[in-house]
Protein backbone atom coordinates (compact mmCIF):
# COMPACT_ATOMS: atom_id res chain seq x y z
CA MET A 1 -21.90 -78.83 -57.86
CA ALA A 2 -22.96 -80.62 -54.70
CA LYS A 3 -25.62 -79.49 -52.27
CA LEU A 4 -26.26 -80.15 -48.63
CA ILE A 5 -29.99 -79.68 -48.11
CA ALA A 6 -31.55 -79.17 -44.68
CA LEU A 7 -35.33 -79.56 -44.37
CA TYR A 8 -36.87 -78.38 -41.11
CA LYS A 9 -40.27 -79.54 -39.83
CA GLN A 10 -42.65 -77.01 -38.31
CA PRO A 11 -41.22 -75.81 -34.96
CA GLU A 12 -43.49 -75.33 -31.95
CA ASP A 13 -42.20 -71.79 -31.42
CA LYS A 14 -41.57 -70.23 -34.83
CA ALA A 15 -40.35 -66.91 -33.43
CA ALA A 16 -37.72 -68.63 -31.25
CA PHE A 17 -36.69 -70.86 -34.16
CA ASP A 18 -36.28 -67.85 -36.49
CA GLU A 19 -34.33 -65.92 -33.85
CA HIS A 20 -31.82 -68.72 -33.40
CA TYR A 21 -31.67 -69.80 -37.04
CA PHE A 22 -31.13 -66.38 -38.60
CA ASN A 23 -29.07 -64.74 -35.83
CA THR A 24 -26.94 -67.65 -34.60
CA HIS A 25 -27.02 -70.73 -36.84
CA ALA A 26 -26.89 -69.15 -40.31
CA PRO A 27 -23.90 -66.90 -39.45
CA ILE A 28 -21.97 -69.95 -38.17
CA THR A 29 -22.86 -71.96 -41.28
CA LYS A 30 -21.88 -69.16 -43.68
CA LYS A 31 -18.29 -69.42 -42.37
CA ILE A 32 -17.84 -73.04 -43.55
CA PRO A 33 -14.88 -73.21 -45.96
CA GLY A 34 -15.86 -74.04 -49.54
CA LEU A 35 -19.48 -72.91 -49.17
CA LYS A 36 -20.23 -71.07 -52.41
CA GLU A 37 -23.88 -70.23 -51.86
CA MET A 38 -26.54 -70.59 -49.16
CA ASN A 39 -30.20 -70.33 -50.17
CA VAL A 40 -32.95 -70.34 -47.54
CA THR A 41 -36.64 -70.89 -48.36
CA LYS A 42 -39.44 -70.48 -45.84
CA PHE A 43 -42.53 -72.46 -46.83
CA VAL A 44 -45.80 -70.55 -46.73
CA GLY A 45 -48.23 -73.36 -47.54
CA THR A 46 -49.23 -76.05 -50.01
CA PRO A 47 -51.04 -75.68 -53.35
CA MET A 48 -54.15 -76.95 -51.54
CA GLY A 49 -53.99 -74.05 -49.08
CA LYS A 50 -52.80 -76.10 -46.13
CA GLU A 51 -49.80 -75.63 -43.87
CA SER A 52 -46.76 -77.54 -45.11
CA ASP A 53 -45.24 -80.30 -43.00
CA TYR A 54 -41.99 -78.38 -43.48
CA TYR A 55 -41.18 -74.89 -42.26
CA LEU A 56 -37.85 -74.05 -43.86
CA MET A 57 -35.29 -75.40 -46.34
CA CYS A 58 -31.65 -74.44 -46.68
CA GLU A 59 -29.58 -75.39 -49.72
CA MET A 60 -25.83 -75.09 -49.20
CA VAL A 61 -23.91 -75.25 -52.48
CA TYR A 62 -20.34 -76.50 -52.86
CA GLU A 63 -18.10 -76.89 -55.91
CA SER A 64 -17.90 -80.68 -55.46
CA HIS A 65 -18.68 -83.56 -53.11
CA ASN A 66 -15.08 -83.39 -51.88
CA ALA A 67 -15.45 -79.69 -51.08
CA LEU A 68 -18.68 -80.43 -49.20
CA LYS A 69 -17.03 -83.22 -47.18
CA ALA A 70 -14.03 -81.03 -46.38
CA GLY A 71 -16.30 -78.19 -45.29
CA LEU A 72 -18.25 -80.44 -42.94
CA LYS A 73 -15.01 -81.75 -41.40
CA SER A 74 -13.67 -78.23 -40.78
CA ASP A 75 -13.92 -76.54 -37.38
CA GLU A 76 -16.65 -74.28 -38.78
CA GLY A 77 -18.54 -77.27 -40.17
CA LYS A 78 -18.34 -79.05 -36.83
CA ALA A 79 -19.55 -75.91 -35.02
CA SER A 80 -22.50 -75.64 -37.40
CA GLY A 81 -23.40 -79.30 -36.90
CA LYS A 82 -23.16 -79.04 -33.11
CA ASP A 83 -25.37 -75.95 -33.07
CA LEU A 84 -27.86 -77.62 -35.42
CA MET A 85 -28.26 -80.66 -33.19
CA ASN A 86 -28.66 -78.45 -30.09
CA PHE A 87 -31.45 -76.26 -31.45
CA ALA A 88 -33.14 -78.33 -34.17
CA GLY A 89 -31.93 -81.92 -34.00
CA SER A 90 -35.47 -83.30 -33.79
CA LEU A 91 -36.73 -81.07 -36.63
CA VAL A 92 -34.10 -81.41 -39.33
CA THR A 93 -33.55 -83.88 -42.16
CA LEU A 94 -30.23 -83.57 -44.02
CA MET A 95 -29.63 -84.77 -47.58
CA ILE A 96 -26.86 -84.48 -50.15
CA GLY A 97 -27.83 -83.84 -53.75
CA GLU A 98 -26.62 -82.50 -57.06
CA ASP A 99 -28.25 -80.63 -59.93
CA VAL A 100 -29.31 -82.72 -62.91
CA ASP A 101 -28.99 -81.46 -66.46
CA GLU A 102 -31.94 -82.60 -68.57
């Protein structure tokens, strides 16, 4: 399994971010070929009771690194990337990872 992980910093307008993310961006992203699973986590704070530097995390799971690459190169992947840069380009950090068996 391979994962594309998107970490979003705290947006200035959380309501506007949520509106766009959940009603526009996520539906586009869910159409990417090869995407097996999409898990979204909204951070509610730190163990010390403070606000997190990050607002939201999305883990997009693919069968393999090749499937992930193919998905990103697809028309749907390109549309997702274009939308991401338009609404959250300054907020997002993208990483590729994989689960580790201990």
